[in-house]
Amino acid sequence: MDVIIETSQLSLPRWSHERLERRVQRALKRVTAKVKRLQVTLKDESGAKRGRGKVCTVHAKLAWGGEVFVTERSRSTARAFFRALRRSRTMVLRAAKRRNAFKTQALKEVFA
């Protein structure tokens, strides 16, 4: 699984990109085989207003060609990041389950 972490209007230390990548690997280790590429974008949309302006967007390209998009907003960058990872893991597992159900149904129709 390739992991790409981008930031927009948010400055992070150099070491934090590596740390965030390790967090992504650990959080999604159950679905590593199902995800070909994962792009995480962290953005600060609030500027000086201090509102719910931290946004984390996760774009996962799945091994069989599907895609999963998750966007999470919060006051805290870390909270938006972790909630987006949790939701993306759930969405990938749900997409895999749906795909397997479709394949099983297609095989039943072929061999019936």
C-alpha atoms as a PDB file:
ATOM      1  CA  MET A   1       0.000   0.000   0.000  1.00  0.00           C
ATOM      2  CA  ASP A   2       1.436   3.344  -1.051  1.00  0.00           C
ATOM      3  CA  VAL A   3       0.739   6.148   1.422  1.00  0.00           C
ATOM      4  CA  ILE A   4       0.912   9.793   0.378  1.00  0.00           C
ATOM      5  CA  ILE A   5       0.451  12.524   2.976  1.00  0.00           C
ATOM      6  CA  GLU A   6      -0.125  16.097   1.832  1.00  0.00           C
ATOM      7  CA  THR A   7      -0.747  19.286   3.782  1.00  0.00           C
ATOM      8  CA  SER A   8      -2.371  22.502   2.656  1.00  0.00           C
ATOM      9  CA  GLN A   9      -2.246  25.735   4.658  1.00  0.00           C
ATOM     10  CA  LEU A  10      -0.884  23.709   7.549  1.00  0.00           C
ATOM     11  CA  SER A  11       2.752  23.435   8.531  1.00  0.00           C
ATOM     12  CA  LEU A  12       3.990  20.191  10.049  1.00  0.00           C
ATOM     13  CA  PRO A  13       7.531  19.269  11.060  1.00  0.00           C
ATOM     14  CA  ARG A  14       9.385  16.935   8.703  1.00  0.00           C
ATOM     15  CA  TRP A  15       9.374  14.039  11.196  1.00  0.00           C
ATOM     16  CA  SER A  16       5.591  14.203  11.537  1.00  0.00           C
ATOM     17  CA  HIS A  17       5.032  12.996   7.948  1.00  0.00           C
ATOM     18  CA  GLU A  18       6.893   9.773   8.753  1.00  0.00           C
ATOM     19  CA  ARG A  19       5.023   9.418  12.029  1.00  0.00           C
ATOM     20  CA  LEU A  20       1.655   9.979  10.325  1.00  0.00           C
ATOM     21  CA  GLU A  21       2.563   7.400   7.686  1.00  0.00           C
ATOM     22  CA  ARG A  22       3.315   4.837  10.402  1.00  0.00           C
ATOM     23  CA  ARG A  23      -0.028   5.656  12.031  1.00  0.00           C
ATOM     24  CA  VAL A  24      -1.805   5.084   8.737  1.00  0.00           C
ATOM     25  CA  GLN A  25      -0.036   1.741   8.234  1.00  0.00           C
ATOM     26  CA  ARG A  26      -0.950   0.644  11.761  1.00  0.00           C
ATOM     27  CA  ALA A  27      -4.574   1.806  11.564  1.00  0.00           C
ATOM     28  CA  LEU A  28      -5.183   0.128   8.198  1.00  0.00           C
ATOM     29  CA  LYS A  29      -3.136  -3.047   8.593  1.00  0.00           C
ATOM     30  CA  ARG A  30      -6.278  -5.211   8.309  1.00  0.00           C
ATOM     31  CA  VAL A  31      -7.068  -3.792   4.874  1.00  0.00           C
ATOM     32  CA  THR A  32      -3.540  -3.381   3.482  1.00  0.00           C
ATOM     33  CA  ALA A  33      -4.087  -6.048   0.825  1.00  0.00           C
ATOM     34  CA  LYS A  34      -7.302  -4.372  -0.328  1.00  0.00           C
ATOM     35  CA  VAL A  35      -5.830  -0.868  -0.750  1.00  0.00           C
ATOM     36  CA  LYS A  36      -3.415  -0.091  -3.562  1.00  0.00           C
ATOM     37  CA  ARG A  37      -2.859   3.610  -2.823  1.00  0.00           C
ATOM     38  CA  LEU A  38      -3.936   5.885   0.017  1.00  0.00           C
ATOM     39  CA  GLN A  39      -3.748   9.665  -0.128  1.00  0.00           C
ATOM     40  CA  VAL A  40      -4.266  11.690   3.052  1.00  0.00           C
ATOM     41  CA  THR A  41      -4.705  15.464   2.795  1.00  0.00           C
ATOM     42  CA  LEU A  42      -4.631  17.644   5.910  1.00  0.00           C
ATOM     43  CA  LYS A  43      -5.904  21.192   5.534  1.00  0.00           C
ATOM     44  CA  ASP A  44      -6.558  24.173   7.802  1.00  0.00           C
ATOM     45  CA  GLU A  45      -9.561  26.038   6.421  1.00  0.00           C
ATOM     46  CA  SER A  46     -10.280  28.239   9.421  1.00  0.00           C
ATOM     47  CA  GLY A  47      -7.159  30.406   9.303  1.00  0.00           C
ATOM     48  CA  ALA A  48      -7.169  32.841  12.225  1.00  0.00           C
ATOM     49  CA  LYS A  49     -10.859  32.282  13.065  1.00  0.00           C
ATOM     50  CA  ARG A  50     -10.192  29.174  15.195  1.00  0.00           C
ATOM     51  CA  GLY A  51     -13.328  27.288  14.195  1.00  0.00           C
ATOM     52  CA  ARG A  52     -13.926  23.727  13.019  1.00  0.00           C
ATOM     53  CA  GLY A  53     -11.514  24.342  10.233  1.00  0.00           C
ATOM     54  CA  LYS A  54      -9.181  21.337  10.346  1.00  0.00           C
ATOM     55  CA  VAL A  55     -10.082  18.973   7.523  1.00  0.00           C
ATOM     56  CA  CYS A  56      -8.687  15.530   6.763  1.00  0.00           C
ATOM     57  CA  THR A  57      -9.523  13.911   3.441  1.00  0.00           C
ATOM     58  CA  VAL A  58      -8.651  10.282   2.757  1.00  0.00           C
ATOM     59  CA  HIS A  59      -8.759   8.954  -0.814  1.00  0.00           C
ATOM     60  CA  ALA A  60      -8.196   5.207  -1.090  1.00  0.00           C
ATOM     61  CA  LYS A  61      -7.753   3.465  -4.442  1.00  0.00           C
ATOM     62  CA  LEU A  62      -8.732  -0.153  -3.971  1.00  0.00           C
ATOM     63  CA  ALA A  63      -6.968  -3.154  -5.465  1.00  0.00           C
ATOM     64  CA  TRP A  64      -9.920  -4.094  -7.676  1.00  0.00           C
ATOM     65  CA  GLY A  65     -10.389  -0.593  -9.082  1.00  0.00           C
ATOM     66  CA  GLY A  66     -12.867   0.932  -6.649  1.00  0.00           C
ATOM     67  CA  GLU A  67     -12.351   4.136  -4.695  1.00  0.00           C
ATOM     68  CA  VAL A  68     -13.259   5.349  -1.224  1.00  0.00           C
ATOM     69  CA  PHE A  69     -13.423   9.040  -0.247  1.00  0.00           C
ATOM     70  CA  VAL A  70     -13.718  10.162   3.369  1.00  0.00           C
ATOM     71  CA  THR A  71     -13.721  13.741   4.666  1.00  0.00           C
ATOM     72  CA  GLU A  72     -13.662  14.595   8.344  1.00  0.00           C
ATOM     73  CA  ARG A  73     -13.776  18.035  10.030  1.00  0.00           C
ATOM     74  CA  SER A  74     -12.758  18.909  13.561  1.00  0.00           C
ATOM     75  CA  ARG A  75     -11.203  21.628  15.683  1.00  0.00           C
ATOM     76  CA  SER A  76      -8.155  19.422  16.147  1.00  0.00           C
ATOM     77  CA  THR A  77      -5.996  18.157  13.305  1.00  0.00           C
ATOM     78  CA  ALA A  78      -5.267  14.923  15.155  1.00  0.00           C
ATOM     79  CA  ARG A  79      -8.933  14.228  15.819  1.00  0.00           C
ATOM     80  CA  ALA A  80      -9.873  14.825  12.178  1.00  0.00           C
ATOM     81  CA  PHE A  81      -6.994  12.565  11.091  1.00  0.00           C
ATOM     82  CA  PHE A  82      -7.877   9.636  13.363  1.00  0.00           C
ATOM     83  CA  ARG A  83     -11.608   9.832  12.711  1.00  0.00           C
ATOM     84  CA  ALA A  84     -11.012   9.901   8.943  1.00  0.00           C
ATOM     85  CA  LEU A  85      -8.736   6.846   9.199  1.00  0.00           C
ATOM     86  CA  ARG A  86     -11.313   4.941  11.233  1.00  0.00           C
ATOM     87  CA  ARG A  87     -14.093   5.795   8.788  1.00  0.00           C
ATOM     88  CA  SER A  88     -11.965   4.919   5.756  1.00  0.00           C
ATOM     89  CA  ARG A  89     -11.108   1.510   7.240  1.00  0.00           C
ATOM     90  CA  THR A  90     -14.817   0.851   7.778  1.00  0.00           C
ATOM     91  CA  MET A  91     -15.668   1.976   4.254  1.00  0.00           C
ATOM     92  CA  VAL A  92     -12.963  -0.219   2.683  1.00  0.00           C
ATOM     93  CA  LEU A  93     -14.183  -3.260   4.629  1.00  0.00           C
ATOM     94  CA  ARG A  94     -17.765  -2.501   3.603  1.00  0.00           C
ATOM     95  CA  ALA A  95     -16.764  -2.159  -0.068  1.00  0.00           C
ATOM     96  CA  ALA A  96     -14.857  -5.466   0.090  1.00  0.00           C
ATOM     97  CA  LYS A  97     -17.848  -7.207   1.679  1.00  0.00           C
ATOM     98  CA  ARG A  98     -20.165  -5.816  -1.007  1.00  0.00           C
ATOM     99  CA  ARG A  99     -17.776  -6.937  -3.748  1.00  0.00           C
ATOM    100  CA  ASN A 100     -17.504 -10.460  -2.306  1.00  0.00           C
ATOM    101  CA  ALA A 101     -21.289 -10.722  -2.026  1.00  0.00           C
ATOM    102  CA  PHE A 102     -21.634  -9.687  -5.675  1.00  0.00           C
ATOM    103  CA  LYS A 103     -19.015 -12.236  -6.775  1.00  0.00           C
ATOM    104  CA  THR A 104     -20.696 -14.994  -4.759  1.00  0.00           C
ATOM    105  CA  GLN A 105     -24.096 -14.175  -6.275  1.00  0.00           C
ATOM    106  CA  ALA A 106     -22.599 -14.192  -9.786  1.00  0.00           C
ATOM    107  CA  LEU A 107     -21.014 -17.602  -9.186  1.00  0.00           C
ATOM    108  CA  LYS A 108     -24.302 -19.011  -7.887  1.00  0.00           C
ATOM    109  CA  GLU A 109     -26.049 -17.849 -11.048  1.00  0.00           C
ATOM    110  CA  VAL A 110     -23.361 -19.395 -13.265  1.00  0.00           C
ATOM    111  CA  PHE A 111     -23.432 -22.769 -11.556  1.00  0.00           C
ATOM    112  CA  ALA A 112     -27.174 -22.932 -10.911  1.00  0.00           C
END
